[in-house]
Amino acid sequence: MTHRFLKRLVLWGMVAGLFGPMPGCGRPGADATRDTNSQAFQDATGQSDAAHSADHSGWWCVEHGVPEKDCTLCSAQAAARFREQGDWCEEHNRAESQCFICDPARAEKFIKLYEAKFGQKPPAPTE
């Protein structure tokens, strides 16, 4: 059992090493290190992330109307996490639960999160 535990520990350490230091939404320098060729960073119009210029240092992603840590359009780490969970809209290349194109009513969940934290409605997504 100890050998099995050590194998898992090493595996998880390697996974954490691959994904841990990657910047994304809410981290200084995130824009400079994004992979702009990745499909994870293309919006529904096919525009690459290089065109995005909003500030990603706060709790809320103003561009996409979700919390920064969960923004699958700005964070490769978040995109990978949502894909692994099977929560992905292939047509619009974002988490299905964040695809307001397929179902605009999905935004309500995120609006309520913002209201609970700040006591007011969030700014409208810019993209």
N, C-alpha and C. Protein backbone atom coordinates (compact mmCIF):
# COMPACT_ATOMS: atom_id res chain seq x y z
N MET A 1 0.82 -1.19 0.00
CA MET A 1 0.00 0.00 0.00
C MET A 1 0.87 1.26 0.00
N THR A 2 1.97 1.26 0.67
CA THR A 2 2.86 2.41 0.72
C THR A 2 3.43 2.72 -0.66
N HIS A 3 3.79 1.68 -1.40
CA HIS A 3 4.34 1.86 -2.75
C HIS A 3 3.30 2.52 -3.66
N ARG A 4 2.07 2.09 -3.57
CA ARG A 4 0.98 2.65 -4.37
C ARG A 4 0.77 4.13 -4.01
N PHE A 5 0.82 4.44 -2.71
CA PHE A 5 0.66 5.81 -2.24
C PHE A 5 1.78 6.70 -2.79
N LEU A 6 3.00 6.22 -2.76
CA LEU A 6 4.13 7.00 -3.26
C LEU A 6 4.01 7.27 -4.76
N LYS A 7 3.55 6.27 -5.51
CA LYS A 7 3.36 6.46 -6.95
C LYS A 7 2.34 7.57 -7.21
N ARG A 8 1.25 7.54 -6.48
CA ARG A 8 0.21 8.56 -6.64
C ARG A 8 0.72 9.93 -6.24
N LEU A 9 1.49 9.98 -5.16
CA LEU A 9 2.04 11.24 -4.69
C LEU A 9 2.96 11.85 -5.75
N VAL A 10 3.81 11.04 -6.33
CA VAL A 10 4.71 11.51 -7.38
C VAL A 10 3.92 11.98 -8.60
N LEU A 11 2.90 11.22 -8.99
CA LEU A 11 2.08 11.59 -10.13
C LEU A 11 1.40 12.94 -9.91
N TRP A 12 0.78 13.11 -8.75
CA TRP A 12 0.09 14.37 -8.45
C TRP A 12 1.08 15.52 -8.35
N GLY A 13 2.27 15.25 -7.86
CA GLY A 13 3.30 16.28 -7.80
C GLY A 13 3.69 16.75 -9.20
N MET A 14 3.78 15.81 -10.13
CA MET A 14 4.12 16.15 -11.51
C MET A 14 2.99 16.97 -12.15
N VAL A 15 1.76 16.57 -11.89
CA VAL A 15 0.61 17.30 -12.44
C VAL A 15 0.58 18.72 -11.87
N ALA A 16 0.80 18.85 -10.57
CA ALA A 16 0.80 20.17 -9.93
C ALA A 16 1.93 21.02 -10.48
N GLY A 17 3.06 20.42 -10.76
CA GLY A 17 4.19 21.15 -11.32
C GLY A 17 3.90 21.67 -12.71
N LEU A 18 3.13 20.91 -13.48
CA LEU A 18 2.79 21.34 -14.83
C LEU A 18 1.78 22.48 -14.84
N PHE A 19 0.80 22.42 -13.94
CA PHE A 19 -0.28 23.39 -13.97
C PHE A 19 -0.18 24.46 -12.90
N GLY A 20 0.54 24.22 -11.84
CA GLY A 20 0.61 25.15 -10.72
C GLY A 20 1.15 26.53 -11.06
N PRO A 21 2.29 26.65 -11.72
CA PRO A 21 2.87 27.97 -11.92
C PRO A 21 2.31 28.76 -13.09
N MET A 22 1.34 28.22 -13.80
CA MET A 22 0.82 28.91 -14.98
C MET A 22 -0.03 30.10 -14.58
N PRO A 23 0.27 31.29 -15.11
CA PRO A 23 -0.56 32.45 -14.82
C PRO A 23 -1.87 32.38 -15.59
N GLY A 24 -2.87 33.04 -15.09
CA GLY A 24 -4.16 33.12 -15.74
C GLY A 24 -4.88 34.35 -15.24
N CYS A 25 -6.17 34.37 -15.34
CA CYS A 25 -6.93 35.52 -14.86
C CYS A 25 -6.57 35.81 -13.42
N GLY A 26 -6.49 37.06 -13.10
CA GLY A 26 -6.26 37.47 -11.73
C GLY A 26 -4.81 37.45 -11.32
N ARG A 27 -3.90 37.13 -12.22
CA ARG A 27 -2.48 37.10 -11.87
C ARG A 27 -1.73 38.11 -12.72
N PRO A 28 -0.85 38.90 -12.09
CA PRO A 28 -0.08 39.87 -12.88
C PRO A 28 0.70 39.15 -13.98
N GLY A 29 0.76 39.76 -15.13
CA GLY A 29 1.52 39.20 -16.25
C GLY A 29 0.77 38.12 -17.01
N ALA A 30 -0.48 37.89 -16.69
CA ALA A 30 -1.22 36.81 -17.33
C ALA A 30 -1.31 37.03 -18.84
N ASP A 31 -1.57 38.26 -19.26
CA ASP A 31 -1.72 38.53 -20.68
C ASP A 31 -0.46 38.20 -21.46
N ALA A 32 0.69 38.42 -20.86
CA ALA A 32 1.95 38.23 -21.57
C ALA A 32 2.29 36.76 -21.77
N THR A 33 1.72 35.88 -20.97
CA THR A 33 2.11 34.47 -21.04
C THR A 33 1.03 33.56 -21.57
N ARG A 34 -0.08 34.09 -22.02
CA ARG A 34 -1.15 33.25 -22.56
C ARG A 34 -0.74 32.65 -23.89
N ASP A 35 -1.22 31.47 -24.15
CA ASP A 35 -0.99 30.82 -25.44
C ASP A 35 -2.07 31.28 -26.40
N THR A 36 -1.76 32.27 -27.21
CA THR A 36 -2.78 32.85 -28.08
C THR A 36 -3.12 31.96 -29.27
N ASN A 37 -2.38 30.89 -29.48
CA ASN A 37 -2.70 29.97 -30.57
C ASN A 37 -3.66 28.88 -30.11
N SER A 38 -3.88 28.76 -28.82
CA SER A 38 -4.71 27.71 -28.26
C SER A 38 -6.18 27.98 -28.54
N GLN A 39 -6.93 26.92 -28.81
CA GLN A 39 -8.38 27.07 -28.99
C GLN A 39 -9.04 27.56 -27.72
N ALA A 40 -8.44 27.26 -26.57
CA ALA A 40 -9.03 27.68 -25.29
C ALA A 40 -9.08 29.20 -25.19
N PHE A 41 -8.32 29.90 -26.02
CA PHE A 41 -8.29 31.35 -25.95
C PHE A 41 -8.86 31.99 -27.20
N GLN A 42 -9.89 31.37 -27.75
CA GLN A 42 -10.58 31.98 -28.87
C GLN A 42 -12.04 32.10 -28.51
N ASP A 43 -12.60 33.25 -28.76
CA ASP A 43 -14.00 33.43 -28.44
C ASP A 43 -14.87 32.94 -29.60
N ALA A 44 -16.15 33.13 -29.48
CA ALA A 44 -17.09 32.61 -30.47
C ALA A 44 -16.87 33.20 -31.86
N THR A 45 -16.26 34.36 -31.95
CA THR A 45 -16.01 34.97 -33.25
C THR A 45 -14.71 34.47 -33.86
N GLY A 46 -13.96 33.65 -33.13
CA GLY A 46 -12.70 33.13 -33.62
C GLY A 46 -11.53 34.06 -33.36
N GLN A 47 -11.79 35.15 -32.65
CA GLN A 47 -10.75 36.13 -32.34
C GLN A 47 -9.84 35.56 -31.26
N SER A 48 -8.54 35.66 -31.43
CA SER A 48 -7.62 35.12 -30.44
C SER A 48 -7.56 36.01 -29.22
N ASP A 49 -7.01 35.49 -28.15
CA ASP A 49 -6.90 36.21 -26.89
C ASP A 49 -5.98 37.42 -26.99
N ALA A 50 -5.17 37.50 -28.00
CA ALA A 50 -4.27 38.63 -28.14
C ALA A 50 -5.04 39.95 -28.23
N ALA A 51 -6.29 39.87 -28.66
CA ALA A 51 -7.10 41.07 -28.78
C ALA A 51 -7.67 41.52 -27.44
N HIS A 52 -7.63 40.68 -26.44
CA HIS A 52 -8.18 41.00 -25.12
C HIS A 52 -7.21 41.91 -24.38
N SER A 53 -7.73 42.97 -23.78
CA SER A 53 -6.84 43.89 -23.10
C SER A 53 -7.34 44.31 -21.73
N ALA A 54 -8.39 43.69 -21.20
CA ALA A 54 -8.94 44.09 -19.91
C ALA A 54 -8.01 43.70 -18.77
N ASP A 55 -8.19 44.36 -17.63
CA ASP A 55 -7.41 44.07 -16.43
C ASP A 55 -7.89 42.76 -15.82
N HIS A 56 -6.97 41.85 -15.56
CA HIS A 56 -7.31 40.55 -14.97
C HIS A 56 -6.72 40.41 -13.57
N SER A 57 -6.73 41.48 -12.81
CA SER A 57 -6.13 41.42 -11.49
C SER A 57 -7.16 41.32 -10.36
N GLY A 58 -8.44 41.30 -10.69
CA GLY A 58 -9.46 41.29 -9.66
C GLY A 58 -10.15 39.95 -9.50
N TRP A 59 -11.23 39.96 -8.76
CA TRP A 59 -12.00 38.75 -8.48
C TRP A 59 -12.90 38.40 -9.66
N TRP A 60 -13.30 39.39 -10.44
CA TRP A 60 -14.30 39.22 -11.50
C TRP A 60 -13.70 39.47 -12.87
N CYS A 61 -13.98 38.61 -13.82
CA CYS A 61 -13.55 38.80 -15.20
C CYS A 61 -14.63 39.64 -15.89
N VAL A 62 -14.34 40.92 -16.06
CA VAL A 62 -15.30 41.85 -16.66
C VAL A 62 -15.57 41.47 -18.11
N GLU A 63 -14.58 40.96 -18.79
CA GLU A 63 -14.76 40.59 -20.20
C GLU A 63 -15.81 39.51 -20.39
N HIS A 64 -15.82 38.51 -19.49
CA HIS A 64 -16.65 37.31 -19.71
C HIS A 64 -17.74 37.07 -18.68
N GLY A 65 -17.80 37.88 -17.62
CA GLY A 65 -18.91 37.81 -16.67
C GLY A 65 -18.91 36.61 -15.74
N VAL A 66 -17.70 36.16 -15.35
CA VAL A 66 -17.55 35.05 -14.40
C VAL A 66 -16.40 35.38 -13.46
N PRO A 67 -16.29 34.67 -12.33
CA PRO A 67 -15.13 34.89 -11.46
C PRO A 67 -13.83 34.56 -12.22
N GLU A 68 -12.79 35.35 -11.98
CA GLU A 68 -11.51 35.18 -12.67
C GLU A 68 -10.98 33.76 -12.59
N LYS A 69 -11.03 33.15 -11.42
CA LYS A 69 -10.44 31.82 -11.23
C LYS A 69 -11.14 30.74 -12.05
N ASP A 70 -12.35 31.02 -12.49
CA ASP A 70 -13.12 30.05 -13.27
C ASP A 70 -13.29 30.44 -14.73
N CYS A 71 -12.65 31.52 -15.16
CA CYS A 71 -12.84 31.99 -16.53
C CYS A 71 -12.09 31.08 -17.50
N THR A 72 -12.84 30.28 -18.23
CA THR A 72 -12.24 29.31 -19.16
C THR A 72 -11.75 29.97 -20.44
N LEU A 73 -12.12 31.21 -20.68
CA LEU A 73 -11.64 31.93 -21.85
C LEU A 73 -10.32 32.64 -21.57
N CYS A 74 -9.99 32.83 -20.30
CA CYS A 74 -8.77 33.55 -19.93
C CYS A 74 -7.74 32.66 -19.26
N SER A 75 -8.13 31.52 -18.76
CA SER A 75 -7.22 30.67 -18.01
C SER A 75 -7.17 29.26 -18.58
N ALA A 76 -6.00 28.86 -19.05
CA ALA A 76 -5.83 27.50 -19.55
C ALA A 76 -6.05 26.49 -18.43
N GLN A 77 -5.68 26.86 -17.22
CA GLN A 77 -5.86 25.98 -16.06
C GLN A 77 -7.35 25.75 -15.81
N ALA A 78 -8.15 26.81 -15.84
CA ALA A 78 -9.59 26.67 -15.65
C ALA A 78 -10.21 25.87 -16.80
N ALA A 79 -9.77 26.14 -18.01
CA ALA A 79 -10.30 25.42 -19.17
C ALA A 79 -10.03 23.92 -19.03
N ALA A 80 -8.82 23.57 -18.63
CA ALA A 80 -8.47 22.15 -18.46
C ALA A 80 -9.33 21.51 -17.37
N ARG A 81 -9.55 22.24 -16.28
CA ARG A 81 -10.35 21.72 -15.17
C ARG A 81 -11.79 21.46 -15.61
N PHE A 82 -12.39 22.39 -16.34
CA PHE A 82 -13.76 22.22 -16.78
C PHE A 82 -13.88 21.12 -17.83
N ARG A 83 -12.89 21.03 -18.73
CA ARG A 83 -12.90 19.94 -19.72
C ARG A 83 -12.84 18.58 -19.04
N GLU A 84 -11.97 18.45 -18.04
CA GLU A 84 -11.85 17.19 -17.31
C GLU A 84 -13.17 16.79 -16.65
N GLN A 85 -13.94 17.78 -16.23
CA GLN A 85 -15.22 17.52 -15.58
C GLN A 85 -16.33 17.26 -16.59
N GLY A 86 -16.01 17.36 -17.87
CA GLY A 86 -17.02 17.13 -18.91
C GLY A 86 -17.94 18.32 -19.11
N ASP A 87 -17.56 19.47 -18.58
CA ASP A 87 -18.34 20.70 -18.68
C ASP A 87 -17.71 21.56 -19.78
N TRP A 88 -18.03 21.25 -21.05
CA TRP A 88 -17.40 21.97 -22.15
C TRP A 88 -18.35 22.12 -23.33
N CYS A 89 -18.44 23.31 -23.88
CA CYS A 89 -19.21 23.59 -25.09
C CYS A 89 -18.22 23.63 -26.25
N GLU A 90 -18.22 22.58 -27.05
CA GLU A 90 -17.29 22.50 -28.19
C GLU A 90 -17.58 23.59 -29.22
N GLU A 91 -18.85 23.91 -29.41
CA GLU A 91 -19.23 24.89 -30.43
C GLU A 91 -18.66 26.28 -30.12
N HIS A 92 -18.68 26.69 -28.84
CA HIS A 92 -18.24 28.03 -28.48
C HIS A 92 -16.94 28.05 -27.69
N ASN A 93 -16.34 26.88 -27.50
CA ASN A 93 -15.01 26.74 -26.91
C ASN A 93 -14.88 27.41 -25.54
N ARG A 94 -15.75 27.00 -24.64
CA ARG A 94 -15.76 27.49 -23.25
C ARG A 94 -16.53 26.49 -22.41
N ALA A 95 -16.49 26.65 -21.11
CA ALA A 95 -17.25 25.75 -20.24
C ALA A 95 -18.73 25.85 -20.61
N GLU A 96 -19.39 24.72 -20.68
CA GLU A 96 -20.83 24.70 -20.99
C GLU A 96 -21.60 25.53 -19.97
N SER A 97 -21.21 25.42 -18.70
CA SER A 97 -21.89 26.16 -17.64
C SER A 97 -21.67 27.67 -17.75
N GLN A 98 -20.70 28.09 -18.55
CA GLN A 98 -20.41 29.50 -18.78
C GLN A 98 -20.77 29.94 -20.20
N CYS A 99 -21.43 29.07 -20.95
CA CYS A 99 -21.76 29.40 -22.32
C CYS A 99 -23.10 30.15 -22.35
N PHE A 100 -22.99 31.46 -22.26
CA PHE A 100 -24.18 32.30 -22.27
C PHE A 100 -24.71 32.47 -23.69
N ILE A 101 -23.95 32.01 -24.68
CA ILE A 101 -24.41 32.05 -26.07
C ILE A 101 -25.48 30.97 -26.26
N CYS A 102 -25.20 29.76 -25.77
CA CYS A 102 -26.17 28.66 -25.88
C CYS A 102 -27.40 28.91 -25.01
N ASP A 103 -27.17 29.44 -23.81
CA ASP A 103 -28.27 29.66 -22.87
C ASP A 103 -27.97 30.90 -22.02
N PRO A 104 -28.51 32.05 -22.41
CA PRO A 104 -28.26 33.28 -21.67
C PRO A 104 -28.68 33.21 -20.20
N ALA A 105 -29.59 32.32 -19.85
CA ALA A 105 -30.04 32.18 -18.46
C ALA A 105 -28.94 31.67 -17.54
N ARG A 106 -27.91 31.05 -18.09
CA ARG A 106 -26.79 30.56 -17.28
C ARG A 106 -26.06 31.70 -16.57
N ALA A 107 -26.13 32.87 -17.12
CA ALA A 107 -25.44 34.03 -16.53
C ALA A 107 -26.01 34.36 -15.15
N GLU A 108 -27.24 34.02 -14.90
CA GLU A 108 -27.89 34.37 -13.63
C GLU A 108 -27.13 33.82 -12.42
N LYS A 109 -26.61 32.62 -12.53
CA LYS A 109 -25.83 32.02 -11.44
C LYS A 109 -24.64 32.91 -11.07
N PHE A 110 -23.95 33.42 -12.08
CA PHE A 110 -22.76 34.23 -11.85
C PHE A 110 -23.13 35.64 -11.38
N ILE A 111 -24.25 36.15 -11.87
CA ILE A 111 -24.74 37.44 -11.41
C ILE A 111 -25.03 37.38 -9.92
N LYS A 112 -25.65 36.29 -9.48
CA LYS A 112 -25.96 36.13 -8.05
C LYS A 112 -24.69 36.03 -7.20
N LEU A 113 -23.66 35.37 -7.71
CA LEU A 113 -22.38 35.31 -6.99
C LEU A 113 -21.80 36.70 -6.79
N TYR A 114 -21.82 37.49 -7.84
CA TYR A 114 -21.29 38.85 -7.78
C TYR A 114 -22.11 39.70 -6.81
N GLU A 115 -23.43 39.60 -6.91
CA GLU A 115 -24.30 40.37 -6.02
C GLU A 115 -24.08 40.00 -4.56
N ALA A 116 -23.88 38.71 -4.29
CA ALA A 116 -23.65 38.27 -2.91
C ALA A 116 -22.35 38.84 -2.36
N LYS A 117 -21.36 38.98 -3.21
CA LYS A 117 -20.06 39.48 -2.76
C LYS A 117 -20.02 41.01 -2.67
N PHE A 118 -20.63 41.70 -3.63
CA PHE A 118 -20.50 43.15 -3.70
C PHE A 118 -21.78 43.94 -3.44
N GLY A 119 -22.92 43.24 -3.35
CA GLY A 119 -24.18 43.92 -3.06
C GLY A 119 -24.74 44.74 -4.21
N GLN A 120 -24.28 44.48 -5.41
CA GLN A 120 -24.80 45.16 -6.59
C GLN A 120 -24.64 44.28 -7.81
N LYS A 121 -25.29 44.67 -8.89
CA LYS A 121 -25.19 43.90 -10.14
C LYS A 121 -23.77 44.04 -10.71
N PRO A 122 -23.28 43.00 -11.38
CA PRO A 122 -21.95 43.08 -12.00
C PRO A 122 -22.00 43.93 -13.27
N PRO A 123 -20.83 44.40 -13.70
CA PRO A 123 -20.82 45.09 -14.99
C PRO A 123 -21.15 44.10 -16.09
N ALA A 124 -21.75 44.57 -17.16
CA ALA A 124 -22.08 43.70 -18.28
C ALA A 124 -20.79 43.18 -18.92
N PRO A 125 -20.75 41.89 -19.29
CA PRO A 125 -19.55 41.37 -19.97
C PRO A 125 -19.26 42.18 -21.23
N THR A 126 -17.99 42.41 -21.48
CA THR A 126 -17.61 43.19 -22.65
C THR A 126 -17.45 42.33 -23.89
N GLU A 127 -17.43 41.01 -23.71
CA GLU A 127 -17.31 40.10 -24.87
C GLU A 127 -18.39 39.06 -24.81
